[in-house]
């Protein structure tokens, strides 16, 4: 997201809130795309991504795993804004 023209969108939503919290918004509207495009996209997903899910090379980086009783420590880590992976809290 770029904010060169300001952080507020026409309906009044301030994107700066998302940027400060490092929140990512992703979306796709394939309905407006033609069937050929959708089929090519599906084929690329099957060819490029699916094998990585199957063989385990596509992984999500995990920063640290906490017990739910250590939620304050997990929150402090998140507030430090220095993580590169997911913070996981395990509930037993």
PDB file of N, CA and C in Angstrom:
ATOM      1  N   UNK A   1       0.832  -1.170   0.000  1.00  0.00           N
ATOM      2  CA  UNK A   1       0.000   0.000   0.000  1.00  0.00           C
ATOM      3  C   UNK A   1       0.877   1.233   0.000  1.00  0.00           C
ATOM      4  N   UNK A   2       0.572   2.141  -0.799  1.00  0.00           N
ATOM      5  CA  UNK A   2       1.273   3.412  -0.785  1.00  0.00           C
ATOM      6  C   UNK A   2       0.352   4.486  -0.236  1.00  0.00           C
ATOM      7  N   UNK A   3       0.928   5.425   0.471  1.00  0.00           N
ATOM      8  CA  UNK A   3       0.116   6.477   1.063  1.00  0.00           C
ATOM      9  C   UNK A   3       0.501   7.853   0.532  1.00  0.00           C
ATOM     10  N   UNK A   4       1.043   7.897  -0.680  1.00  0.00           N
ATOM     11  CA  UNK A   4       1.493   9.170  -1.232  1.00  0.00           C
ATOM     12  C   UNK A   4       0.346  10.165  -1.396  1.00  0.00           C
ATOM     13  N   UNK A   5      -0.849   9.682  -1.646  1.00  0.00           N
ATOM     14  CA  UNK A   5      -1.987  10.583  -1.810  1.00  0.00           C
ATOM     15  C   UNK A   5      -2.796  10.701  -0.526  1.00  0.00           C
ATOM     16  N   UNK A   6      -2.229  10.281   0.580  1.00  0.00           N
ATOM     17  CA  UNK A   6      -2.927  10.350   1.860  1.00  0.00           C
ATOM     18  C   UNK A   6      -3.366   8.985   2.320  1.00  0.00           C
ATOM     19  N   UNK A   7      -3.676   8.889   3.593  1.00  0.00           N
ATOM     20  CA  UNK A   7      -4.016   7.586   4.163  1.00  0.00           C
ATOM     21  C   UNK A   7      -5.519   7.335   4.221  1.00  0.00           C
ATOM     22  N   UNK A   8      -6.330   8.334   3.911  1.00  0.00           N
ATOM     23  CA  UNK A   8      -7.781   8.148   3.987  1.00  0.00           C
ATOM     24  C   UNK A   8      -8.360   7.862   2.606  1.00  0.00           C
ATOM     25  N   UNK A   9      -9.188   6.820   2.556  1.00  0.00           N
ATOM     26  CA  UNK A   9      -9.879   6.484   1.319  1.00  0.00           C
ATOM     27  C   UNK A   9     -11.193   7.260   1.278  1.00  0.00           C
ATOM     28  N   UNK A  10     -11.841   7.353   0.115  1.00  0.00           N
ATOM     29  CA  UNK A  10     -13.033   8.190  -0.017  1.00  0.00           C
ATOM     30  C   UNK A  10     -14.129   7.970   1.028  1.00  0.00           C
ATOM     31  N   UNK A  11     -14.321   6.760   1.483  1.00  0.00           N
ATOM     32  CA  UNK A  11     -15.380   6.513   2.473  1.00  0.00           C
ATOM     33  C   UNK A  11     -14.952   6.837   3.896  1.00  0.00           C
ATOM     34  N   UNK A  12     -13.733   7.373   4.076  1.00  0.00           N
ATOM     35  CA  UNK A  12     -13.297   7.814   5.398  1.00  0.00           C
ATOM     36  C   UNK A  12     -12.431   6.831   6.160  1.00  0.00           C
ATOM     37  N   UNK A  13     -12.205   5.638   5.641  1.00  0.00           N
ATOM     38  CA  UNK A  13     -11.345   4.667   6.315  1.00  0.00           C
ATOM     39  C   UNK A  13      -9.907   5.165   6.290  1.00  0.00           C
ATOM     40  N   UNK A  14      -9.244   5.164   7.442  1.00  0.00           N
ATOM     41  CA  UNK A  14      -7.864   5.623   7.525  1.00  0.00           C
ATOM     42  C   UNK A  14      -6.931   4.408   7.467  1.00  0.00           C
ATOM     43  N   UNK A  15      -6.213   4.268   6.357  1.00  0.00           N
ATOM     44  CA  UNK A  15      -5.324   3.123   6.170  1.00  0.00           C
ATOM     45  C   UNK A  15      -4.087   3.184   7.055  1.00  0.00           C
ATOM     46  N   UNK A  16      -3.778   4.334   7.611  1.00  0.00           N
ATOM     47  CA  UNK A  16      -2.608   4.486   8.476  1.00  0.00           C
ATOM     48  C   UNK A  16      -2.684   3.533   9.673  1.00  0.00           C
ATOM     49  N   UNK A  17      -3.901   3.288  10.160  1.00  0.00           N
ATOM     50  CA  UNK A  17      -4.090   2.367  11.285  1.00  0.00           C
ATOM     51  C   UNK A  17      -3.577   0.982  10.915  1.00  0.00           C
ATOM     52  N   UNK A  18      -3.865   0.540   9.697  1.00  0.00           N
ATOM     53  CA  UNK A  18      -3.410  -0.767   9.241  1.00  0.00           C
ATOM     54  C   UNK A  18      -1.898  -0.786   9.065  1.00  0.00           C
ATOM     55  N   UNK A  19      -1.358   0.278   8.492  1.00  0.00           N
ATOM     56  CA  UNK A  19       0.082   0.351   8.231  1.00  0.00           C
ATOM     57  C   UNK A  19       0.861   0.319   9.545  1.00  0.00           C
ATOM     58  N   UNK A  20       0.414   1.073  10.542  1.00  0.00           N
ATOM     59  CA  UNK A  20       1.108   1.115  11.843  1.00  0.00           C
ATOM     60  C   UNK A  20       1.142  -0.255  12.510  1.00  0.00           C
ATOM     61  N   UNK A  21       0.084  -1.032  12.343  1.00  0.00           N
ATOM     62  CA  UNK A  21      -0.011  -2.349  12.975  1.00  0.00           C
ATOM     63  C   UNK A  21       0.514  -3.470  12.083  1.00  0.00           C
ATOM     64  N   UNK A  22       1.050  -3.101  10.909  1.00  0.00           N
ATOM     65  CA  UNK A  22       1.575  -4.064   9.947  1.00  0.00           C
ATOM     66  C   UNK A  22       0.533  -5.103   9.546  1.00  0.00           C
ATOM     67  N   UNK A  23      -0.706  -4.663   9.383  1.00  0.00           N
ATOM     68  CA  UNK A  23      -1.786  -5.554   8.980  1.00  0.00           C
ATOM     69  C   UNK A  23      -1.808  -5.639   7.464  1.00  0.00           C
ATOM     70  N   UNK A  24      -1.842  -6.836   6.963  1.00  0.00           N
ATOM     71  CA  UNK A  24      -1.878  -7.043   5.513  1.00  0.00           C
ATOM     72  C   UNK A  24      -3.308  -7.352   5.089  1.00  0.00           C
ATOM     73  N   UNK A  25      -3.732  -6.720   4.017  1.00  0.00           N
ATOM     74  CA  UNK A  25      -5.046  -6.979   3.458  1.00  0.00           C
ATOM     75  C   UNK A  25      -4.826  -7.518   2.047  1.00  0.00           C
ATOM     76  N   UNK A  26      -5.353  -8.693   1.809  1.00  0.00           N
ATOM     77  CA  UNK A  26      -5.212  -9.289   0.490  1.00  0.00           C
ATOM     78  C   UNK A  26      -6.576  -9.740   0.018  1.00  0.00           C
ATOM     79  N   UNK A  27      -6.771  -9.642  -1.255  1.00  0.00           N
ATOM     80  CA  UNK A  27      -8.052 -10.085  -1.782  1.00  0.00           C
ATOM     81  C   UNK A  27      -7.972 -10.356  -3.266  1.00  0.00           C
ATOM     82  N   UNK A  28      -8.963 -11.037  -3.742  1.00  0.00           N
ATOM     83  CA  UNK A  28      -9.014 -11.350  -5.157  1.00  0.00           C
ATOM     84  C   UNK A  28     -10.470 -11.433  -5.578  1.00  0.00           C
ATOM     85  N   UNK A  29     -10.739 -10.911  -6.741  1.00  0.00           N
ATOM     86  CA  UNK A  29     -12.082 -11.014  -7.308  1.00  0.00           C
ATOM     87  C   UNK A  29     -11.951 -11.653  -8.672  1.00  0.00           C
ATOM     88  N   UNK A  30     -11.963 -12.951  -8.692  1.00  0.00           N
ATOM     89  CA  UNK A  30     -11.787 -13.662  -9.950  1.00  0.00           C
ATOM     90  C   UNK A  30     -13.060 -13.707 -10.794  1.00  0.00           C
ATOM     91  N   UNK A  31     -14.185 -13.356 -10.206  1.00  0.00           N
ATOM     92  CA  UNK A  31     -15.438 -13.389 -10.976  1.00  0.00           C
ATOM     93  C   UNK A  31     -15.381 -12.459 -12.177  1.00  0.00           C
ATOM     94  N   UNK A  32     -14.670 -11.358 -12.012  1.00  0.00           N
ATOM     95  CA  UNK A  32     -14.596 -10.401 -13.118  1.00  0.00           C
ATOM     96  C   UNK A  32     -13.597 -10.840 -14.188  1.00  0.00           C
ATOM     97  N   UNK A  33     -12.820 -11.855 -13.898  1.00  0.00           N
ATOM     98  CA  UNK A  33     -11.838 -12.371 -14.868  1.00  0.00           C
ATOM     99  C   UNK A  33     -12.477 -13.451 -15.724  1.00  0.00           C
ATOM    100  N   UNK A  34     -11.955 -13.584 -16.916  1.00  0.00           N
ATOM    101  CA  UNK A  34     -12.475 -14.594 -17.832  1.00  0.00           C
ATOM    102  C   UNK A  34     -12.121 -16.012 -17.392  1.00  0.00           C
ATOM    103  N   UNK A  35     -12.840 -16.964 -17.943  1.00  0.00           N
ATOM    104  CA  UNK A  35     -12.617 -18.375 -17.613  1.00  0.00           C
ATOM    105  C   UNK A  35     -11.198 -18.811 -17.974  1.00  0.00           C
ATOM    106  N   UNK A  36     -10.663 -18.327 -19.095  1.00  0.00           N
ATOM    107  CA  UNK A  36      -9.297 -18.686 -19.493  1.00  0.00           C
ATOM    108  C   UNK A  36      -8.291 -18.252 -18.439  1.00  0.00           C
ATOM    109  N   UNK A  37      -8.426 -17.034 -17.940  1.00  0.00           N
ATOM    110  CA  UNK A  37      -7.517 -16.535 -16.903  1.00  0.00           C
ATOM    111  C   UNK A  37      -7.622 -17.394 -15.646  1.00  0.00           C
ATOM    112  N   UNK A  38      -8.846 -17.690 -15.233  1.00  0.00           N
ATOM    113  CA  UNK A  38      -9.058 -18.493 -14.033  1.00  0.00           C
ATOM    114  C   UNK A  38      -8.445 -19.886 -14.172  1.00  0.00           C
ATOM    115  N   UNK A  39      -8.577 -20.481 -15.347  1.00  0.00           N
ATOM    116  CA  UNK A  39      -8.016 -21.817 -15.567  1.00  0.00           C
ATOM    117  C   UNK A  39      -6.485 -21.778 -15.553  1.00  0.00           C
ATOM    118  N   UNK A  40      -5.890 -20.746 -16.165  1.00  0.00           N
ATOM    119  CA  UNK A  40      -4.435 -20.621 -16.157  1.00  0.00           C
ATOM    120  C   UNK A  40      -3.918 -20.405 -14.736  1.00  0.00           C
ATOM    121  N   UNK A  41      -4.622 -19.613 -13.961  1.00  0.00           N
ATOM    122  CA  UNK A  41      -4.238 -19.378 -12.572  1.00  0.00           C
ATOM    123  C   UNK A  41      -4.307 -20.665 -11.753  1.00  0.00           C
ATOM    124  N   UNK A  42      -5.375 -21.416 -11.957  1.00  0.00           N
ATOM    125  CA  UNK A  42      -5.504 -22.703 -11.271  1.00  0.00           C
ATOM    126  C   UNK A  42      -4.376 -23.645 -11.653  1.00  0.00           C
ATOM    127  N   UNK A  43      -4.053 -23.694 -12.939  1.00  0.00           N
ATOM    128  CA  UNK A  43      -2.984 -24.571 -13.406  1.00  0.00           C
ATOM    129  C   UNK A  43      -1.631 -24.176 -12.812  1.00  0.00           C
ATOM    130  N   UNK A  44      -1.375 -22.862 -12.704  1.00  0.00           N
ATOM    131  CA  UNK A  44      -0.119 -22.405 -12.097  1.00  0.00           C
ATOM    132  C   UNK A  44      -0.056 -22.785 -10.624  1.00  0.00           C
ATOM    133  N   UNK A  45      -1.183 -22.653  -9.927  1.00  0.00           N
ATOM    134  CA  UNK A  45      -1.231 -23.027  -8.515  1.00  0.00           C
ATOM    135  C   UNK A  45      -0.922 -24.513  -8.352  1.00  0.00           C
ATOM    136  N   UNK A  46      -1.539 -25.333  -9.177  1.00  0.00           N
ATOM    137  CA  UNK A  46      -1.304 -26.782  -9.110  1.00  0.00           C
ATOM    138  C   UNK A  46       0.150 -27.096  -9.446  1.00  0.00           C
ATOM    139  N   UNK A  47       0.696 -26.431 -10.440  1.00  0.00           N
ATOM    140  CA  UNK A  47       2.060 -26.708 -10.887  1.00  0.00           C
ATOM    141  C   UNK A  47       3.116 -26.176  -9.914  1.00  0.00           C
ATOM    142  N   UNK A  48       2.928 -24.959  -9.398  1.00  0.00           N
ATOM    143  CA  UNK A  48       3.988 -24.310  -8.625  1.00  0.00           C
ATOM    144  C   UNK A  48       3.826 -24.429  -7.113  1.00  0.00           C
ATOM    145  N   UNK A  49       2.613 -24.333  -6.608  1.00  0.00           N
ATOM    146  CA  UNK A  49       2.426 -24.290  -5.153  1.00  0.00           C
ATOM    147  C   UNK A  49       2.071 -25.639  -4.547  1.00  0.00           C
ATOM    148  N   UNK A  50       1.190 -26.373  -5.188  1.00  0.00           N
ATOM    149  CA  UNK A  50       0.731 -27.639  -4.616  1.00  0.00           C
ATOM    150  C   UNK A  50       1.866 -28.602  -4.281  1.00  0.00           C
ATOM    151  N   UNK A  51       2.867 -28.791  -5.155  1.00  0.00           N
ATOM    152  CA  UNK A  51       3.963 -29.690  -4.797  1.00  0.00           C
ATOM    153  C   UNK A  51       4.715 -29.232  -3.539  1.00  0.00           C
ATOM    154  N   UNK A  52       4.806 -27.939  -3.325  1.00  0.00           N
ATOM    155  CA  UNK A  52       5.510 -27.436  -2.140  1.00  0.00           C
ATOM    156  C   UNK A  52       4.714 -27.692  -0.870  1.00  0.00           C
ATOM    157  N   UNK A  53       3.390 -27.675  -0.972  1.00  0.00           N
ATOM    158  CA  UNK A  53       2.578 -28.052   0.178  1.00  0.00           C
ATOM    159  C   UNK A  53       2.776 -29.537   0.483  1.00  0.00           C
ATOM    160  N   UNK A  54       2.797 -30.347  -0.572  1.00  0.00           N
ATOM    161  CA  UNK A  54       2.908 -31.799  -0.403  1.00  0.00           C
ATOM    162  C   UNK A  54       4.266 -32.199   0.162  1.00  0.00           C
ATOM    163  N   UNK A  55       5.366 -31.618  -0.365  1.00  0.00           N
ATOM    164  CA  UNK A  55       6.695 -32.046   0.096  1.00  0.00           C
ATOM    165  C   UNK A  55       7.214 -31.264   1.301  1.00  0.00           C
ATOM    166  N   UNK A  56       6.446 -30.276   1.762  1.00  0.00           N
ATOM    167  CA  UNK A  56       6.816 -29.556   2.978  1.00  0.00           C
ATOM    168  C   UNK A  56       7.773 -28.389   2.796  1.00  0.00           C
ATOM    169  N   UNK A  57       8.111 -28.030   1.551  1.00  0.00           N
ATOM    170  CA  UNK A  57       9.029 -26.900   1.366  1.00  0.00           C
ATOM    171  C   UNK A  57       8.322 -25.552   1.476  1.00  0.00           C
ATOM    172  N   UNK A  58       6.990 -25.534   1.353  1.00  0.00           N
ATOM    173  CA  UNK A  58       6.231 -24.302   1.570  1.00  0.00           C
ATOM    174  C   UNK A  58       5.872 -24.255   3.041  1.00  0.00           C
ATOM    175  N   UNK A  59       6.520 -23.375   3.743  1.00  0.00           N
ATOM    176  CA  UNK A  59       6.308 -23.300   5.184  1.00  0.00           C
ATOM    177  C   UNK A  59       6.030 -21.871   5.619  1.00  0.00           C
ATOM    178  N   UNK A  60       5.324 -21.755   6.703  1.00  0.00           N
ATOM    179  CA  UNK A  60       5.032 -20.452   7.287  1.00  0.00           C
ATOM    180  C   UNK A  60       6.035 -20.235   8.411  1.00  0.00           C
ATOM    181  N   UNK A  61       6.785 -19.117   8.384  1.00  0.00           N
ATOM    182  CA  UNK A  61       7.780 -18.873   9.426  1.00  0.00           C
ATOM    183  C   UNK A  61       7.122 -18.641  10.789  1.00  0.00           C
ATOM    184  N   UNK A  62       7.636 -19.326  11.800  1.00  0.00           N
ATOM    185  CA  UNK A  62       7.129 -19.189  13.165  1.00  0.00           C
ATOM    186  C   UNK A  62       8.208 -18.507  13.996  1.00  0.00           C
ATOM    187  N   UNK A  63       7.866 -17.383  14.584  1.00  0.00           N
ATOM    188  CA  UNK A  63       8.793 -16.644  15.440  1.00  0.00           C
ATOM    189  C   UNK A  63       8.983 -17.345  16.778  1.00  0.00           C
ATOM    190  N   UNK A  64       7.866 -17.632  17.448  1.00  0.00           N
ATOM    191  CA  UNK A  64       7.951 -18.270  18.764  1.00  0.00           C
ATOM    192  C   UNK A  64       6.597 -18.857  19.134  1.00  0.00           C
ATOM    193  N   UNK A  65       6.636 -19.957  19.876  1.00  0.00           N
ATOM    194  CA  UNK A  65       5.423 -20.602  20.372  1.00  0.00           C
ATOM    195  C   UNK A  65       5.365 -20.402  21.880  1.00  0.00           C
ATOM    196  N   UNK A  66       4.237 -19.887  22.357  1.00  0.00           N
ATOM    197  CA  UNK A  66       4.043 -19.627  23.779  1.00  0.00           C
ATOM    198  C   UNK A  66       2.930 -20.505  24.326  1.00  0.00           C
ATOM    199  N   UNK A  67       2.989 -20.789  25.607  1.00  0.00           N
ATOM    200  CA  UNK A  67       1.870 -21.365  26.321  1.00  0.00           C
ATOM    201  C   UNK A  67       0.884 -20.227  26.550  1.00  0.00           C
ATOM    202  N   UNK A  68      -0.401 -20.506  26.555  1.00  0.00           N
ATOM    203  CA  UNK A  68      -1.390 -19.450  26.710  1.00  0.00           C
ATOM    204  C   UNK A  68      -1.219 -18.712  28.032  1.00  0.00           C
ATOM    205  N   UNK A  69      -0.610 -19.364  29.017  1.00  0.00           N
ATOM    206  CA  UNK A  69      -0.384 -18.709  30.314  1.00  0.00           C
ATOM    207  C   UNK A  69       0.665 -17.600  30.209  1.00  0.00           C
ATOM    208  N   UNK A  70       1.444 -17.613  29.129  1.00  0.00           N
ATOM    209  CA  UNK A  70       2.470 -16.591  28.906  1.00  0.00           C
ATOM    210  C   UNK A  70       2.010 -15.563  27.865  1.00  0.00           C
ATOM    211  N   UNK A  71       0.714 -15.316  27.824  1.00  0.00           N
ATOM    212  CA  UNK A  71       0.152 -14.438  26.809  1.00  0.00           C
ATOM    213  C   UNK A  71       0.705 -13.019  26.895  1.00  0.00           C
ATOM    214  N   UNK A  72       1.027 -12.562  28.099  1.00  0.00           N
ATOM    215  CA  UNK A  72       1.577 -11.206  28.235  1.00  0.00           C
ATOM    216  C   UNK A  72       2.954 -11.112  27.577  1.00  0.00           C
ATOM    217  N   UNK A  73       3.755 -12.157  27.716  1.00  0.00           N
ATOM    218  CA  UNK A  73       5.066 -12.181  27.063  1.00  0.00           C
ATOM    219  C   UNK A  73       4.905 -12.213  25.540  1.00  0.00           C
ATOM    220  N   UNK A  74       3.938 -12.976  25.071  1.00  0.00           N
ATOM    221  CA  UNK A  74       3.673 -13.048  23.637  1.00  0.00           C
ATOM    222  C   UNK A  74       3.219 -11.679  23.116  1.00  0.00           C
ATOM    223  N   UNK A  75       2.376 -11.028  23.871  1.00  0.00           N
ATOM    224  CA  UNK A  75       1.884  -9.714  23.455  1.00  0.00           C
ATOM    225  C   UNK A  75       3.018  -8.691  23.449  1.00  0.00           C
ATOM    226  N   UNK A  76       3.904  -8.767  24.433  1.00  0.00           N
ATOM    227  CA  UNK A  76       5.052  -7.855  24.474  1.00  0.00           C
ATOM    228  C   UNK A  76       5.950  -8.063  23.258  1.00  0.00           C
ATOM    229  N   UNK A  77       6.140  -9.317  22.865  1.00  0.00           N
ATOM    230  CA  UNK A  77       6.941  -9.611  21.673  1.00  0.00           C
ATOM    231  C   UNK A  77       6.283  -8.997  20.435  1.00  0.00           C
ATOM    232  N   UNK A  78       4.975  -9.141  20.332  1.00  0.00           N
ATOM    233  CA  UNK A  78       4.253  -8.582  19.193  1.00  0.00           C
ATOM    234  C   UNK A  78       4.338  -7.053  19.193  1.00  0.00           C
ATOM    235  N   UNK A  79       4.178  -6.443  20.356  1.00  0.00           N
ATOM    236  CA  UNK A  79       4.243  -4.979  20.456  1.00  0.00           C
ATOM    237  C   UNK A  79       5.632  -4.446  20.104  1.00  0.00           C
ATOM    238  N   UNK A  80       6.672  -5.254  20.308  1.00  0.00           N
ATOM    239  CA  UNK A  80       8.030  -4.843  19.968  1.00  0.00           C
ATOM    240  C   UNK A  80       8.234  -4.642  18.472  1.00  0.00           C
ATOM    241  N   UNK A  81       7.318  -5.202  17.668  1.00  0.00           N
ATOM    242  CA  UNK A  81       7.328  -4.985  16.217  1.00  0.00           C
ATOM    243  C   UNK A  81       8.644  -5.409  15.562  1.00  0.00           C
ATOM    244  N   UNK A  82       9.269  -6.445  16.082  1.00  0.00           N
ATOM    245  CA  UNK A  82      10.542  -6.911  15.543  1.00  0.00           C
ATOM    246  C   UNK A  82      10.469  -8.351  15.040  1.00  0.00           C
ATOM    247  N   UNK A  83       9.285  -8.927  15.005  1.00  0.00           N
ATOM    248  CA  UNK A  83       9.156 -10.323  14.609  1.00  0.00           C
ATOM    249  C   UNK A  83       9.159 -10.467  13.093  1.00  0.00           C
ATOM    250  N   UNK A  84       9.559 -11.629  12.638  1.00  0.00           N
ATOM    251  CA  UNK A  84       9.547 -11.931  11.205  1.00  0.00           C
ATOM    252  C   UNK A  84       8.653 -13.128  10.904  1.00  0.00           C
ATOM    253  N   UNK A  85       8.141 -13.748  11.955  1.00  0.00           N
ATOM    254  CA  UNK A  85       7.275 -14.905  11.761  1.00  0.00           C
ATOM    255  C   UNK A  85       6.046 -14.802  12.635  1.00  0.00           C
ATOM    256  N   UNK A  86       5.269 -15.844  12.625  1.00  0.00           N
ATOM    257  CA  UNK A  86       4.032 -15.883  13.393  1.00  0.00           C
ATOM    258  C   UNK A  86       4.317 -16.126  14.866  1.00  0.00           C
ATOM    259  N   UNK A  87       3.480 -15.574  15.712  1.00  0.00           N
ATOM    260  CA  UNK A  87       3.518 -15.827  17.136  1.00  0.00           C
ATOM    261  C   UNK A  87       2.335 -16.749  17.429  1.00  0.00           C
ATOM    262  N   UNK A  88       2.628 -17.887  18.014  1.00  0.00           N
ATOM    263  CA  UNK A  88       1.594 -18.889  18.258  1.00  0.00           C
ATOM    264  C   UNK A  88       1.407 -19.042  19.758  1.00  0.00           C
ATOM    265  N   UNK A  89       0.154 -19.041  20.196  1.00  0.00           N
ATOM    266  CA  UNK A  89      -0.167 -19.291  21.603  1.00  0.00           C
ATOM    267  C   UNK A  89      -0.955 -20.587  21.682  1.00  0.00           C
ATOM    268  N   UNK A  90      -0.396 -21.543  22.406  1.00  0.00           N
ATOM    269  CA  UNK A  90      -1.009 -22.863  22.531  1.00  0.00           C
ATOM    270  C   UNK A  90      -1.952 -22.895  23.726  1.00  0.00           C
ATOM    271  N   UNK A  91      -3.153 -23.360  23.515  1.00  0.00           N
ATOM    272  CA  UNK A  91      -4.139 -23.532  24.577  1.00  0.00           C
ATOM    273  C   UNK A  91      -4.239 -25.018  24.847  1.00  0.00           C
ATOM    274  N   UNK A  92      -3.989 -25.382  26.085  1.00  0.00           N
ATOM    275  CA  UNK A  92      -3.997 -26.819  26.439  1.00  0.00           C
ATOM    276  C   UNK A  92      -5.293 -27.218  27.071  1.00  0.00           C
TER     277      UNK A  92
END
